[in-house]
N, C-alpha and C. Protein backbone atom coordinates (compact mmCIF):
# COMPACT_ATOMS: atom_id res chain seq x y z
N MET A 1 -8.74 -15.64 -14.83
CA MET A 1 -7.57 -15.03 -14.68
C MET A 1 -6.58 -15.54 -14.26
N PRO A 2 -5.37 -15.33 -15.00
CA PRO A 2 -3.98 -16.00 -14.51
C PRO A 2 -3.45 -15.47 -13.40
N GLU A 3 -2.97 -16.11 -12.51
CA GLU A 3 -2.23 -15.81 -11.34
C GLU A 3 -0.93 -14.93 -11.50
N PRO A 4 -0.95 -13.56 -10.76
CA PRO A 4 0.04 -12.71 -11.35
C PRO A 4 1.91 -13.41 -11.13
N ARG A 5 2.36 -12.49 -12.33
CA ARG A 5 3.84 -13.36 -12.28
C ARG A 5 4.45 -12.83 -10.89
N LYS A 6 5.44 -13.84 -10.31
CA LYS A 6 5.97 -13.57 -9.13
C LYS A 6 7.26 -12.48 -9.64
N ALA A 7 7.42 -11.54 -8.63
CA ALA A 7 8.90 -10.87 -9.22
C ALA A 7 10.20 -11.64 -8.94
N ALA A 8 10.74 -11.18 -9.97
CA ALA A 8 12.25 -11.68 -10.09
C ALA A 8 13.27 -10.77 -9.10
N LYS A 9 14.33 -11.87 -8.30
CA LYS A 9 15.14 -11.07 -7.56
C LYS A 9 15.99 -10.00 -8.03
N GLY A 10 16.51 -9.33 -7.42
CA GLY A 10 17.43 -8.81 -7.57
C GLY A 10 17.44 -6.92 -7.42
N PRO A 11 18.42 -6.38 -7.57
CA PRO A 11 18.41 -4.96 -6.80
C PRO A 11 16.88 -4.09 -7.46
N PRO A 12 16.51 -3.09 -6.33
CA PRO A 12 15.70 -2.35 -6.56
C PRO A 12 15.72 -1.45 -8.02
N SER A 13 14.45 -1.36 -9.04
CA SER A 13 14.47 -1.03 -9.65
C SER A 13 13.51 0.44 -9.95
N SER A 14 13.92 1.49 -10.91
CA SER A 14 13.17 2.25 -10.93
C SER A 14 11.77 2.44 -11.08
N PRO A 15 10.91 3.16 -11.24
CA PRO A 15 9.55 3.33 -11.32
C PRO A 15 9.05 2.92 -12.35
N VAL A 16 7.69 2.81 -12.68
CA VAL A 16 7.58 1.93 -14.09
C VAL A 16 6.04 2.81 -14.11
N VAL A 17 5.41 2.89 -15.04
CA VAL A 17 4.48 3.09 -15.24
C VAL A 17 3.66 2.10 -16.43
N PHE A 18 2.66 1.15 -15.65
CA PHE A 18 2.06 0.33 -16.36
C PHE A 18 0.81 1.10 -16.95
N ILE A 19 0.66 0.28 -18.66
CA ILE A 19 -0.52 0.93 -19.03
C ILE A 19 -1.04 -0.28 -19.79
N VAL A 20 -2.84 -0.18 -19.19
CA VAL A 20 -3.56 -1.37 -19.95
C VAL A 20 -4.56 -0.60 -20.33
N ASP A 21 -4.59 -0.71 -21.59
CA ASP A 21 -6.08 -0.38 -22.85
C ASP A 21 -5.79 -1.09 -24.16
N ASP A 22 -7.07 -1.23 -24.32
CA ASP A 22 -7.03 -2.64 -25.52
C ASP A 22 -6.84 -1.57 -26.79
N ASP A 23 -7.05 0.03 -26.69
CA ASP A 23 -6.65 0.51 -27.98
C ASP A 23 -4.99 0.70 -28.36
N VAL A 24 -4.83 0.42 -29.52
CA VAL A 24 -3.19 0.33 -29.59
C VAL A 24 -2.74 1.69 -29.93
N SER A 25 -3.32 2.50 -30.58
CA SER A 25 -2.53 4.09 -30.88
C SER A 25 -2.86 4.75 -29.06
N MET A 26 -3.53 4.18 -28.54
CA MET A 26 -3.86 5.13 -27.16
C MET A 26 -2.03 4.11 -26.53
N ARG A 27 -2.15 3.22 -26.61
CA ARG A 27 -0.93 2.53 -25.69
C ARG A 27 0.14 3.53 -26.68
N GLU A 28 0.22 3.24 -27.23
CA GLU A 28 1.61 3.71 -28.19
C GLU A 28 1.87 5.36 -28.11
N ALA A 29 0.61 6.02 -27.99
CA ALA A 29 0.96 7.48 -27.75
C ALA A 29 1.23 7.65 -26.13
N LEU A 30 0.45 6.87 -25.41
CA LEU A 30 1.34 7.25 -24.08
C LEU A 30 2.45 6.55 -23.32
N THR A 31 2.89 5.67 -24.75
CA THR A 31 4.40 4.85 -24.54
C THR A 31 5.46 6.14 -24.62
N ASP A 32 5.00 7.04 -26.04
CA ASP A 32 6.11 7.80 -26.32
C ASP A 32 5.74 8.55 -25.41
N LEU A 33 4.66 9.14 -24.75
CA LEU A 33 4.93 10.14 -23.69
C LEU A 33 5.79 10.05 -22.80
N PHE A 34 5.64 9.01 -21.56
CA PHE A 34 6.08 8.61 -21.20
C PHE A 34 7.63 8.77 -20.74
N ARG A 35 7.79 8.01 -22.13
CA ARG A 35 9.43 7.73 -22.26
C ARG A 35 10.45 9.11 -22.62
N SER A 36 9.64 9.48 -22.97
CA SER A 36 9.73 11.19 -23.87
C SER A 36 10.32 11.55 -22.23
N MET A 37 9.45 11.44 -21.44
CA MET A 37 9.64 12.15 -20.34
C MET A 37 10.90 11.26 -19.08
N LYS A 38 11.45 10.07 -19.47
CA LYS A 38 12.03 9.40 -18.85
C LYS A 38 11.70 8.57 -17.89
N PHE A 39 10.15 7.99 -18.10
CA PHE A 39 9.98 7.31 -17.51
C PHE A 39 9.91 5.42 -18.16
N ASP A 40 10.28 4.25 -17.22
CA ASP A 40 10.36 2.90 -17.34
C ASP A 40 8.84 2.69 -17.90
N VAL A 41 8.00 2.54 -19.13
CA VAL A 41 7.03 2.37 -19.42
C VAL A 41 6.79 0.68 -19.97
N GLU A 42 5.57 -0.23 -18.87
CA GLU A 42 5.17 -1.12 -20.00
C GLU A 42 3.89 -1.24 -20.24
N ALA A 43 3.04 -2.02 -21.54
CA ALA A 43 1.92 -1.49 -21.99
C ALA A 43 1.32 -2.83 -22.54
N PHE A 44 -0.20 -3.19 -22.04
CA PHE A 44 -0.22 -4.13 -22.34
C PHE A 44 -1.93 -4.34 -23.05
N GLU A 45 -2.56 -4.88 -23.69
CA GLU A 45 -3.59 -4.86 -23.77
C GLU A 45 -4.48 -5.03 -23.12
N SER A 46 -4.52 -5.97 -22.12
CA SER A 46 -5.54 -6.18 -21.24
C SER A 46 -5.02 -6.74 -19.87
N ALA A 47 -6.21 -7.13 -19.07
CA ALA A 47 -6.11 -7.17 -17.41
C ALA A 47 -5.46 -8.30 -17.75
N ALA A 48 -5.85 -8.96 -18.21
CA ALA A 48 -4.87 -10.70 -18.24
C ALA A 48 -3.55 -10.75 -18.37
N ALA A 49 -3.87 -9.79 -19.42
CA ALA A 49 -2.04 -9.99 -20.33
C ALA A 49 -0.56 -9.41 -19.02
N PHE A 50 -1.88 -8.12 -18.35
CA PHE A 50 -1.20 -7.43 -17.25
C PHE A 50 -0.69 -8.35 -15.97
N LEU A 51 -1.71 -9.06 -16.10
CA LEU A 51 -1.38 -9.81 -15.00
C LEU A 51 -0.26 -11.18 -14.93
N GLU A 52 -0.33 -10.99 -16.21
CA GLU A 52 0.49 -12.90 -16.81
C GLU A 52 2.03 -12.10 -16.53
N LYS A 53 2.34 -10.92 -17.44
CA LYS A 53 3.39 -10.60 -17.61
C LYS A 53 4.12 -9.62 -16.78
N ALA A 54 3.50 -8.97 -15.65
CA ALA A 54 3.83 -7.75 -15.05
C ALA A 54 4.15 -7.83 -14.11
N ASN A 55 5.46 -7.55 -13.30
CA ASN A 55 6.02 -7.42 -12.26
C ASN A 55 5.49 -6.62 -10.98
N LEU A 56 4.13 -7.43 -10.70
CA LEU A 56 3.17 -6.38 -9.30
C LEU A 56 4.06 -5.70 -8.34
N ASN A 57 5.50 -6.11 -8.21
CA ASN A 57 6.05 -5.82 -6.79
C ASN A 57 6.95 -4.72 -7.23
N ARG A 58 7.12 -4.02 -8.70
CA ARG A 58 7.70 -3.29 -8.86
C ARG A 58 7.03 -1.25 -8.35
N HIS A 59 7.77 -0.61 -8.31
CA HIS A 59 7.38 0.87 -8.03
C HIS A 59 7.36 1.20 -9.06
N GLY A 60 5.87 1.41 -8.99
CA GLY A 60 5.34 2.58 -9.74
C GLY A 60 3.28 2.66 -9.73
N CYS A 61 2.45 2.97 -10.85
CA CYS A 61 1.41 2.91 -11.16
C CYS A 61 0.76 2.34 -12.21
N LEU A 62 -0.41 2.58 -12.15
CA LEU A 62 -1.05 1.10 -13.57
C LEU A 62 -2.14 2.71 -13.98
N LEU A 63 -1.93 2.93 -15.40
CA LEU A 63 -2.87 3.57 -15.93
C LEU A 63 -3.93 2.70 -16.52
N LEU A 64 -5.28 2.55 -16.16
CA LEU A 64 -5.71 1.50 -16.65
C LEU A 64 -7.53 1.98 -17.49
N ASP A 65 -7.68 1.55 -18.60
CA ASP A 65 -8.87 2.24 -19.18
C ASP A 65 -9.96 1.27 -18.62
N VAL A 66 -11.37 2.15 -18.30
CA VAL A 66 -12.37 1.72 -17.33
C VAL A 66 -12.48 0.51 -18.50
N ARG A 67 -12.72 0.79 -19.91
CA ARG A 67 -13.50 -0.38 -20.51
C ARG A 67 -12.39 -1.63 -21.19
N LEU A 68 -12.46 -2.57 -20.95
CA LEU A 68 -11.51 -3.45 -21.17
C LEU A 68 -12.17 -4.84 -21.75
N PRO A 69 -11.59 -5.72 -22.47
CA PRO A 69 -11.53 -6.78 -23.12
C PRO A 69 -11.51 -7.98 -22.07
N GLY A 70 -13.00 -8.60 -21.62
CA GLY A 70 -12.68 -9.57 -20.41
C GLY A 70 -13.11 -8.88 -19.30
N ILE A 71 -12.63 -8.08 -18.67
CA ILE A 71 -13.06 -7.75 -17.41
C ILE A 71 -13.13 -6.27 -17.39
N SER A 72 -13.99 -5.24 -16.64
CA SER A 72 -13.78 -3.80 -16.86
C SER A 72 -13.11 -3.34 -15.63
N GLY A 73 -12.13 -2.45 -16.55
CA GLY A 73 -10.96 -1.47 -15.41
C GLY A 73 -11.52 -1.44 -14.12
N LEU A 74 -13.10 -1.06 -13.65
CA LEU A 74 -13.27 -1.38 -12.42
C LEU A 74 -13.67 -2.23 -11.42
N ASP A 75 -13.78 -3.35 -12.06
CA ASP A 75 -13.80 -4.96 -12.25
C ASP A 75 -12.05 -5.35 -11.18
N PHE A 76 -11.59 -4.98 -12.45
CA PHE A 76 -10.25 -5.53 -12.49
C PHE A 76 -9.34 -4.48 -10.95
N GLN A 77 -10.09 -3.39 -10.67
CA GLN A 77 -9.41 -2.45 -9.43
C GLN A 77 -9.65 -3.32 -8.16
N MET A 78 -10.91 -3.66 -8.10
CA MET A 78 -11.25 -4.80 -6.90
C MET A 78 -10.54 -6.15 -6.94
N GLN A 79 -10.00 -6.61 -8.19
CA GLN A 79 -9.82 -7.70 -8.38
C GLN A 79 -7.89 -7.42 -7.79
N MET A 80 -7.43 -6.55 -8.39
CA MET A 80 -6.78 -6.53 -7.34
C MET A 80 -6.29 -5.96 -6.03
N GLU A 81 -7.56 -5.62 -5.40
CA GLU A 81 -7.20 -5.30 -4.00
C GLU A 81 -7.37 -6.74 -2.94
N ARG A 82 -8.09 -7.76 -3.87
CA ARG A 82 -8.30 -8.53 -3.28
C ARG A 82 -6.73 -9.71 -3.28
N LEU A 83 -5.78 -9.31 -4.21
CA LEU A 83 -4.64 -9.66 -4.22
C LEU A 83 -4.04 -9.13 -3.48
N GLY A 84 -4.25 -8.21 -2.77
CA GLY A 84 -3.68 -7.46 -1.64
C GLY A 84 -2.54 -6.40 -2.55
N ASN A 85 -2.95 -5.75 -3.56
CA ASN A 85 -1.62 -5.73 -4.13
C ASN A 85 -2.39 -3.58 -4.36
N GLY A 86 -1.37 -2.85 -3.54
CA GLY A 86 -2.14 -1.78 -3.24
C GLY A 86 -1.10 -0.38 -4.67
N MET A 87 -0.72 -1.00 -5.81
CA MET A 87 -0.01 -0.09 -6.40
C MET A 87 -1.32 0.81 -7.08
N PRO A 88 -1.17 1.91 -7.16
CA PRO A 88 -2.19 3.43 -7.59
C PRO A 88 -2.62 3.69 -8.74
N ILE A 89 -3.84 3.46 -9.15
CA ILE A 89 -4.60 3.20 -10.19
C ILE A 89 -4.82 4.91 -10.76
N ILE A 90 -4.49 4.78 -12.27
CA ILE A 90 -5.46 5.82 -12.83
C ILE A 90 -6.17 5.37 -14.19
N PHE A 91 -7.55 6.06 -13.72
CA PHE A 91 -8.87 5.74 -14.40
C PHE A 91 -8.19 6.31 -15.68
N MET A 92 -8.82 5.84 -17.34
CA MET A 92 -9.27 6.52 -18.24
C MET A 92 -9.55 6.14 -18.94
N THR A 93 -11.16 7.06 -19.42
CA THR A 93 -12.24 6.58 -19.99
C THR A 93 -12.16 7.55 -21.60
N GLY A 94 -13.45 7.01 -22.10
CA GLY A 94 -13.87 8.24 -23.32
C GLY A 94 -15.34 7.69 -23.51
N PHE A 95 -15.89 7.13 -22.02
CA PHE A 95 -16.99 6.80 -21.43
C PHE A 95 -17.60 7.31 -20.45
N GLY A 96 -16.55 7.96 -19.30
CA GLY A 96 -17.17 7.96 -17.85
C GLY A 96 -17.69 8.96 -17.76
N ASP A 97 -18.65 8.29 -16.52
CA ASP A 97 -19.97 9.39 -15.82
C ASP A 97 -19.54 9.64 -14.46
N ILE A 98 -20.28 10.14 -13.70
CA ILE A 98 -20.33 10.20 -12.04
C ILE A 98 -20.08 8.90 -11.39
N PRO A 99 -21.25 8.55 -11.37
CA PRO A 99 -21.32 6.83 -10.69
C PRO A 99 -20.10 6.34 -10.69
N MET A 100 -19.52 6.22 -12.11
CA MET A 100 -18.07 5.59 -12.56
C MET A 100 -17.43 6.08 -11.57
N SER A 101 -16.65 7.05 -11.81
CA SER A 101 -15.65 8.33 -11.45
C SER A 101 -15.81 8.07 -9.60
N VAL A 102 -17.21 8.35 -9.15
CA VAL A 102 -17.50 7.98 -7.52
C VAL A 102 -16.97 6.47 -6.95
N ARG A 103 -17.29 5.64 -7.58
CA ARG A 103 -17.04 4.42 -7.67
C ARG A 103 -15.15 3.95 -7.30
N ALA A 104 -14.93 5.11 -8.46
CA ALA A 104 -13.22 4.33 -8.76
C ALA A 104 -12.66 5.03 -7.69
N MET A 105 -12.88 6.69 -7.08
CA MET A 105 -12.13 7.21 -6.39
C MET A 105 -12.35 6.37 -4.74
N LYS A 106 -13.83 6.10 -4.71
CA LYS A 106 -13.95 5.76 -3.45
C LYS A 106 -12.73 4.21 -3.09
N ALA A 107 -12.54 3.66 -4.39
CA ALA A 107 -11.92 2.69 -3.91
C ALA A 107 -10.41 2.45 -4.06
N GLY A 108 -10.19 4.10 -3.90
CA GLY A 108 -8.74 4.33 -3.54
C GLY A 108 -7.84 5.30 -4.96
N ALA A 109 -8.54 4.82 -6.27
CA ALA A 109 -7.95 5.36 -7.23
C ALA A 109 -7.43 6.64 -7.88
N VAL A 110 -6.24 7.25 -8.15
CA VAL A 110 -5.59 8.26 -7.57
C VAL A 110 -6.23 9.44 -8.23
N ASP A 111 -6.68 8.88 -9.84
CA ASP A 111 -7.72 10.29 -10.59
C ASP A 111 -8.20 9.34 -11.33
N PHE A 112 -9.32 10.65 -11.95
CA PHE A 112 -10.09 9.56 -13.05
C PHE A 112 -10.09 10.15 -14.40
N LEU A 113 -9.38 10.51 -15.41
CA LEU A 113 -9.50 10.85 -16.43
C LEU A 113 -10.00 10.88 -18.20
N THR A 114 -10.90 11.74 -18.20
CA THR A 114 -12.02 11.60 -19.72
C THR A 114 -11.28 11.75 -20.74
N LYS A 115 -10.90 11.14 -22.04
CA LYS A 115 -10.23 11.08 -22.99
C LYS A 115 -10.86 12.18 -23.62
N PRO A 116 -10.77 13.04 -24.69
CA PRO A 116 -8.88 12.89 -24.73
C PRO A 116 -8.58 13.83 -23.48
N PHE A 117 -7.18 13.75 -23.03
CA PHE A 117 -7.08 14.51 -21.83
C PHE A 117 -5.54 15.09 -21.95
N LYS A 118 -5.63 16.50 -21.14
CA LYS A 118 -4.17 16.79 -21.63
C LYS A 118 -2.75 15.83 -21.11
N GLU A 119 -2.01 16.24 -21.76
CA GLU A 119 -0.57 15.53 -21.97
C GLU A 119 -0.25 16.16 -20.27
N GLN A 120 -0.85 17.00 -19.53
CA GLN A 120 0.12 17.47 -18.47
C GLN A 120 -0.90 16.87 -17.13
N ASP A 121 -2.08 16.78 -17.57
CA ASP A 121 -3.55 16.24 -16.90
C ASP A 121 -2.21 14.56 -15.92
N ILE A 122 -2.49 14.15 -17.43
CA ILE A 122 -1.96 12.89 -17.23
C ILE A 122 -0.53 12.43 -16.11
N LEU A 123 0.11 13.50 -16.83
CA LEU A 123 1.78 13.26 -16.27
C LEU A 123 1.53 13.92 -15.03
N ASP A 124 0.59 14.74 -14.71
CA ASP A 124 0.22 15.24 -13.30
C ASP A 124 0.14 13.89 -11.96
N ALA A 125 -1.18 13.35 -12.57
CA ALA A 125 -1.78 11.91 -12.11
C ALA A 125 -0.82 11.11 -12.04
N VAL A 126 -0.07 10.89 -12.55
CA VAL A 126 1.18 9.84 -12.22
C VAL A 126 2.15 10.42 -11.34
N THR A 127 2.71 11.69 -11.63
CA THR A 127 3.74 11.97 -10.42
C THR A 127 2.80 11.93 -8.84
N THR A 128 1.50 12.17 -8.73
CA THR A 128 0.98 11.62 -7.37
C THR A 128 0.91 10.32 -7.06
N ALA A 129 0.83 9.77 -8.30
CA ALA A 129 0.50 7.99 -8.06
C ALA A 129 1.64 7.66 -7.55
N LEU A 130 3.00 7.78 -7.98
CA LEU A 130 4.19 7.33 -7.39
C LEU A 130 5.04 7.58 -6.44
N GLU A 131 4.54 9.41 -6.28
CA GLU A 131 4.42 9.77 -4.81
C GLU A 131 4.17 8.54 -3.79
N ARG A 132 2.71 8.67 -4.45
CA ARG A 132 2.27 7.55 -2.92
C ARG A 132 2.44 6.37 -3.15
N ASP A 133 2.90 5.70 -4.01
CA ASP A 133 3.52 4.21 -3.99
C ASP A 133 4.65 4.32 -3.23
N ALA A 134 5.58 5.58 -3.67
CA ALA A 134 6.50 5.22 -2.43
C ALA A 134 6.20 5.42 -1.21
N SER A 135 5.25 6.26 -0.91
CA SER A 135 4.65 6.84 0.60
C SER A 135 4.22 5.54 1.25
N ARG A 136 3.56 4.54 0.39
CA ARG A 136 2.46 2.52 0.82
C ARG A 136 4.52 2.32 1.10
N ARG A 137 4.95 2.03 0.09
CA ARG A 137 6.56 1.37 0.25
C ARG A 137 7.19 1.23 1.31
N ARG A 138 7.53 2.74 1.71
CA ARG A 138 8.11 3.09 2.96
C ARG A 138 6.80 2.50 4.21
N GLU A 139 6.04 2.67 4.21
CA GLU A 139 5.18 2.23 5.47
C GLU A 139 5.27 1.11 5.96
N SER A 140 5.34 0.04 4.55
CA SER A 140 5.03 -1.21 4.58
C SER A 140 6.50 -1.88 4.83
N GLU A 141 7.62 -1.19 4.42
CA GLU A 141 9.31 -1.07 4.76
C GLU A 141 9.02 -1.24 6.52
N GLN A 142 8.28 -0.45 6.75
CA GLN A 142 8.77 0.39 8.53
C GLN A 142 7.46 -0.99 9.02
N SER A 143 6.96 -1.51 8.86
CA SER A 143 5.39 -2.36 9.02
C SER A 143 6.18 -3.40 9.23
N ALA A 144 6.93 -3.42 8.75
CA ALA A 144 7.96 -5.01 8.49
C ALA A 144 8.81 -5.40 9.49
N ALA A 145 9.87 -3.95 9.61
CA ALA A 145 10.63 -3.66 11.03
C ALA A 145 10.33 -4.02 11.95
N VAL A 146 8.79 -3.01 12.16
CA VAL A 146 8.50 -3.07 13.63
C VAL A 146 7.62 -4.36 13.80
N ALA A 147 7.37 -5.37 13.35
CA ALA A 147 6.61 -6.72 13.18
C ALA A 147 8.00 -7.78 13.47
N SER A 148 8.78 -7.43 13.07
CA SER A 148 9.91 -8.38 13.20
C SER A 148 10.37 -8.19 14.67
N LEU A 149 10.68 -6.53 15.43
CA LEU A 149 11.11 -6.35 16.38
C LEU A 149 9.80 -7.13 17.51
N ALA A 150 8.38 -6.77 17.41
CA ALA A 150 7.44 -7.15 17.80
C ALA A 150 7.45 -8.74 18.05
N GLY A 151 8.46 -9.36 17.42
CA GLY A 151 8.47 -10.73 17.50
C GLY A 151 9.09 -11.55 18.24
N GLN A 152 9.91 -10.25 18.94
CA GLN A 152 10.28 -10.94 20.30
C GLN A 152 10.05 -10.54 21.56
N LEU A 153 9.12 -10.31 21.60
CA LEU A 153 8.22 -9.85 22.79
C LEU A 153 7.56 -11.26 23.42
N THR A 154 7.79 -11.34 24.74
CA THR A 154 6.48 -12.36 25.00
C THR A 154 5.35 -11.90 24.88
N PRO A 155 4.32 -13.45 25.55
CA PRO A 155 3.15 -12.71 25.64
C PRO A 155 2.70 -11.93 26.49
N ARG A 156 3.21 -11.79 27.67
CA ARG A 156 3.33 -11.21 29.18
C ARG A 156 3.69 -9.31 28.48
N GLU A 157 4.94 -9.49 27.75
CA GLU A 157 5.22 -7.99 27.38
C GLU A 157 4.57 -7.59 26.08
N ARG A 158 3.56 -8.66 25.62
CA ARG A 158 2.80 -8.07 24.59
C ARG A 158 1.25 -7.47 25.09
N GLU A 159 0.85 -7.79 26.62
CA GLU A 159 0.00 -7.27 26.77
C GLU A 159 0.30 -5.88 28.02
N VAL A 160 1.87 -6.07 27.98
CA VAL A 160 1.77 -4.91 29.04
C VAL A 160 2.18 -3.38 28.09
N MET A 161 2.47 -3.77 26.55
CA MET A 161 3.07 -2.94 26.04
C MET A 161 1.66 -2.83 25.36
N GLY A 162 0.55 -3.59 25.02
CA GLY A 162 -0.85 -2.96 24.40
C GLY A 162 -1.12 -2.06 25.60
N ALA A 163 -1.35 -2.57 27.37
CA ALA A 163 -2.07 -1.34 28.31
C ALA A 163 -0.94 0.08 28.36
N VAL A 164 0.02 -0.08 27.99
CA VAL A 164 0.90 1.23 27.66
C VAL A 164 0.71 1.92 26.56
N VAL A 165 0.58 1.59 25.77
CA VAL A 165 0.20 2.35 24.73
C VAL A 165 -1.19 2.95 24.73
N ARG A 166 -2.17 2.25 25.60
CA ARG A 166 -3.83 2.87 25.74
C ARG A 166 -3.06 3.95 27.15
N GLY A 167 -2.58 4.28 27.57
CA GLY A 167 -2.10 5.17 28.77
C GLY A 167 -2.13 4.91 29.94
N LEU A 168 -2.32 3.52 30.18
CA LEU A 168 -2.04 3.03 31.53
C LEU A 168 -0.83 3.26 32.09
N MET A 169 -1.31 3.87 33.69
CA MET A 169 -0.26 3.82 34.64
C MET A 169 0.48 2.48 34.94
N ASN A 170 1.88 2.81 35.14
CA ASN A 170 2.41 1.03 36.05
C ASN A 170 1.55 0.73 37.12
N LYS A 171 0.88 1.51 38.27
CA LYS A 171 -0.27 0.91 39.06
C LYS A 171 -1.50 0.52 38.45
N GLN A 172 -2.01 1.22 37.58
CA GLN A 172 -3.43 0.10 36.94
C GLN A 172 -3.01 -0.67 35.39
N ILE A 173 -1.92 -0.96 35.22
CA ILE A 173 -1.36 -2.10 34.68
C ILE A 173 -1.49 -3.10 35.40
N ALA A 174 -0.19 -2.65 36.40
CA ALA A 174 -0.19 -4.25 37.40
C ALA A 174 -1.72 -4.37 37.73
N TYR A 175 -2.83 -3.62 38.26
CA TYR A 175 -4.30 -4.42 38.85
C TYR A 175 -4.88 -5.09 37.47
N GLU A 176 -4.75 -4.25 36.29
CA GLU A 176 -5.41 -5.03 35.29
C GLU A 176 -4.86 -6.98 35.02
N LEU A 177 -3.40 -6.54 34.84
CA LEU A 177 -2.80 -7.83 34.78
C LEU A 177 -2.86 -8.76 36.03
N GLY A 178 -2.77 -8.14 37.25
CA GLY A 178 -2.63 -9.53 38.66
C GLY A 178 -1.28 -9.64 38.79
N ILE A 179 -0.05 -8.32 38.53
CA ILE A 179 0.92 -8.50 38.83
C ILE A 179 1.63 -7.22 39.80
N SER A 180 2.25 -7.71 39.99
CA SER A 180 2.94 -6.43 41.22
C SER A 180 3.46 -5.24 39.88
N GLU A 181 3.73 -4.05 40.24
CA GLU A 181 4.62 -3.01 40.44
C GLU A 181 5.56 -2.74 39.34
N VAL A 182 6.80 -3.59 40.34
CA VAL A 182 7.53 -4.08 40.11
C VAL A 182 8.06 -4.75 39.11
N THR A 183 7.07 -5.74 38.45
CA THR A 183 6.60 -6.65 37.34
C THR A 183 6.76 -6.19 36.53
N VAL A 184 5.78 -4.93 36.53
CA VAL A 184 5.13 -4.16 35.55
C VAL A 184 6.44 -3.43 34.64
N LYS A 185 7.43 -2.68 35.95
CA LYS A 185 8.43 -2.13 35.24
C LYS A 185 9.56 -3.31 34.51
N LEU A 186 9.70 -4.04 35.14
CA LEU A 186 10.85 -4.80 34.49
C LEU A 186 10.30 -5.18 33.04
N HIS A 187 8.87 -5.56 32.54
CA HIS A 187 8.07 -5.93 31.42
C HIS A 187 8.40 -4.65 30.72
N ARG A 188 7.96 -3.17 31.02
CA ARG A 188 7.81 -1.99 30.51
C ARG A 188 9.16 -1.61 29.95
N GLY A 189 10.23 -2.01 31.04
CA GLY A 189 11.71 -2.01 30.69
C GLY A 189 12.34 -2.89 29.19
N ASN A 190 11.64 -4.35 29.35
CA ASN A 190 12.19 -5.21 28.13
C ASN A 190 11.22 -4.54 26.88
N VAL A 191 9.96 -4.01 27.25
CA VAL A 191 9.71 -4.05 26.13
C VAL A 191 9.76 -2.60 25.23
N MET A 192 10.03 -1.43 26.13
CA MET A 192 11.06 -0.29 25.42
C MET A 192 12.68 -0.82 24.48
N ARG A 193 12.57 -1.86 25.41
CA ARG A 193 14.41 -2.62 24.95
C ARG A 193 14.13 -2.62 23.58
N LYS A 194 13.49 -4.04 23.49
CA LYS A 194 13.08 -4.70 22.45
C LYS A 194 12.64 -3.91 21.18
N MET A 195 11.60 -3.10 21.53
CA MET A 195 10.72 -2.65 20.35
C MET A 195 11.74 -1.22 19.92
N GLU A 196 12.94 -0.99 20.64
CA GLU A 196 13.72 -0.02 20.22
C GLU A 196 12.94 1.37 20.58
N ALA A 197 12.45 1.60 21.25
CA ALA A 197 11.25 2.56 21.28
C ALA A 197 12.12 3.80 22.22
N ARG A 198 12.40 4.97 21.81
CA ARG A 198 13.03 6.46 22.36
C ARG A 198 11.72 7.00 23.67
N SER A 199 10.75 6.26 23.19
CA SER A 199 9.77 7.14 24.51
C SER A 199 8.39 6.35 24.27
N VAL A 200 7.25 6.69 24.93
CA VAL A 200 5.90 6.49 24.65
C VAL A 200 5.42 6.80 23.60
N ALA A 201 5.42 7.94 23.23
CA ALA A 201 5.12 8.25 21.80
C ALA A 201 5.63 7.05 20.84
N ASP A 202 6.78 7.11 20.39
CA ASP A 202 7.16 6.10 19.76
C ASP A 202 6.76 4.72 19.60
N LEU A 203 6.60 4.20 21.29
CA LEU A 203 5.77 2.85 20.87
C LEU A 203 4.62 3.10 20.54
N VAL A 204 4.14 4.34 20.48
CA VAL A 204 2.51 4.30 20.09
C VAL A 204 2.61 4.50 18.89
N ARG A 205 3.37 4.89 17.87
CA ARG A 205 3.74 4.85 16.50
C ARG A 205 4.12 3.85 15.96
N LYS A 206 5.23 2.74 16.53
CA LYS A 206 5.30 1.53 16.54
C LYS A 206 3.78 0.64 16.26
N SER A 207 3.21 0.55 17.24
CA SER A 207 1.84 0.24 17.50
C SER A 207 0.80 0.21 16.33
N GLU A 208 1.33 1.31 16.28
CA GLU A 208 0.03 1.68 14.76
C GLU A 208 0.38 0.99 13.75
N LEU A 209 1.71 1.09 13.98
CA LEU A 209 2.24 0.16 12.40
C LEU A 209 1.70 -1.14 12.48
N LEU A 210 1.86 -1.96 13.57
CA LEU A 210 1.39 -2.86 13.82
C LEU A 210 0.08 -3.45 13.66
N GLY A 211 -0.91 -2.48 12.77
CA GLY A 211 -2.12 -2.63 13.22
C GLY A 211 -2.86 -2.84 14.81
N TRP A 212 -2.42 -2.02 15.53
CA TRP A 212 -2.95 -2.34 16.78
C TRP A 212 -3.72 -1.67 16.91
N ARG A 213 -5.30 -1.95 17.87
CA ARG A 213 -6.41 -0.86 17.68
C ARG A 213 -6.70 -0.42 19.18
N GLN A 214 -6.71 0.31 19.67
CA GLN A 214 -7.22 1.08 21.02
C GLN A 214 -5.83 0.24 21.89
N GLY A 215 -4.21 -0.03 21.42
CA GLY A 215 -3.12 -0.16 22.14
C GLY A 215 -3.59 -2.15 22.45
N LEU A 216 -4.27 -2.53 21.62
CA LEU A 216 -4.95 -4.36 21.67
C LEU A 216 -3.81 -5.07 21.10
N PRO A 217 -3.10 -6.10 21.36
CA PRO A 217 -2.55 -6.75 20.46
C PRO A 217 -3.43 -7.41 19.44
N VAL A 218 -2.89 -7.62 18.42
CA VAL A 218 -3.77 -8.66 17.58
C VAL A 218 -2.99 -9.84 17.17
N SER A 219 -3.81 -11.47 17.65
CA SER A 219 -3.00 -12.05 17.57
C SER A 219 -3.02 -12.50 16.10
């Protein structure tokens, strides 16, 4: 499979509905439907064409046929995950069965629609998918901003932050790290300032965005 195309620089674009289906009539029908609803639409006959031509960094979702030339839709879903792309996927199939749908949904698909489906069903699924993608992008932006703040912390401040979000008191932190309470208070103040945290609860939320588990910094 080709490498995905890099995103072009420029202002944020409107949401796009990507369609990948080797059935020409289905691509055309879906394209007409979504354009009539004022969506941006891009349609492709294969997963390879999608990876080669689509801007994977755009805000949007993917309507993906299960049976495709070269690679199945379910296998392509796994490939997208390996690429680190979390674009929401809606599966379409004329041959769906329960094991297929269960596998797709467990892997994070928004919906699994059997052809022929009602227009309202596909419109509702796309609306849900776009909302999910918008939420994912907001969280990603927040995580990046918090990671930038955390980059200002010294190694000791990271240790103190980890202990604070675990719920330890200053005396307990001092004992655990082998430093004085006064030093803990100094580091704690620096952590709150550098992380722009309004409270310990806010600091805990930011540690979760960093992907810290049980208050332990990840190197």
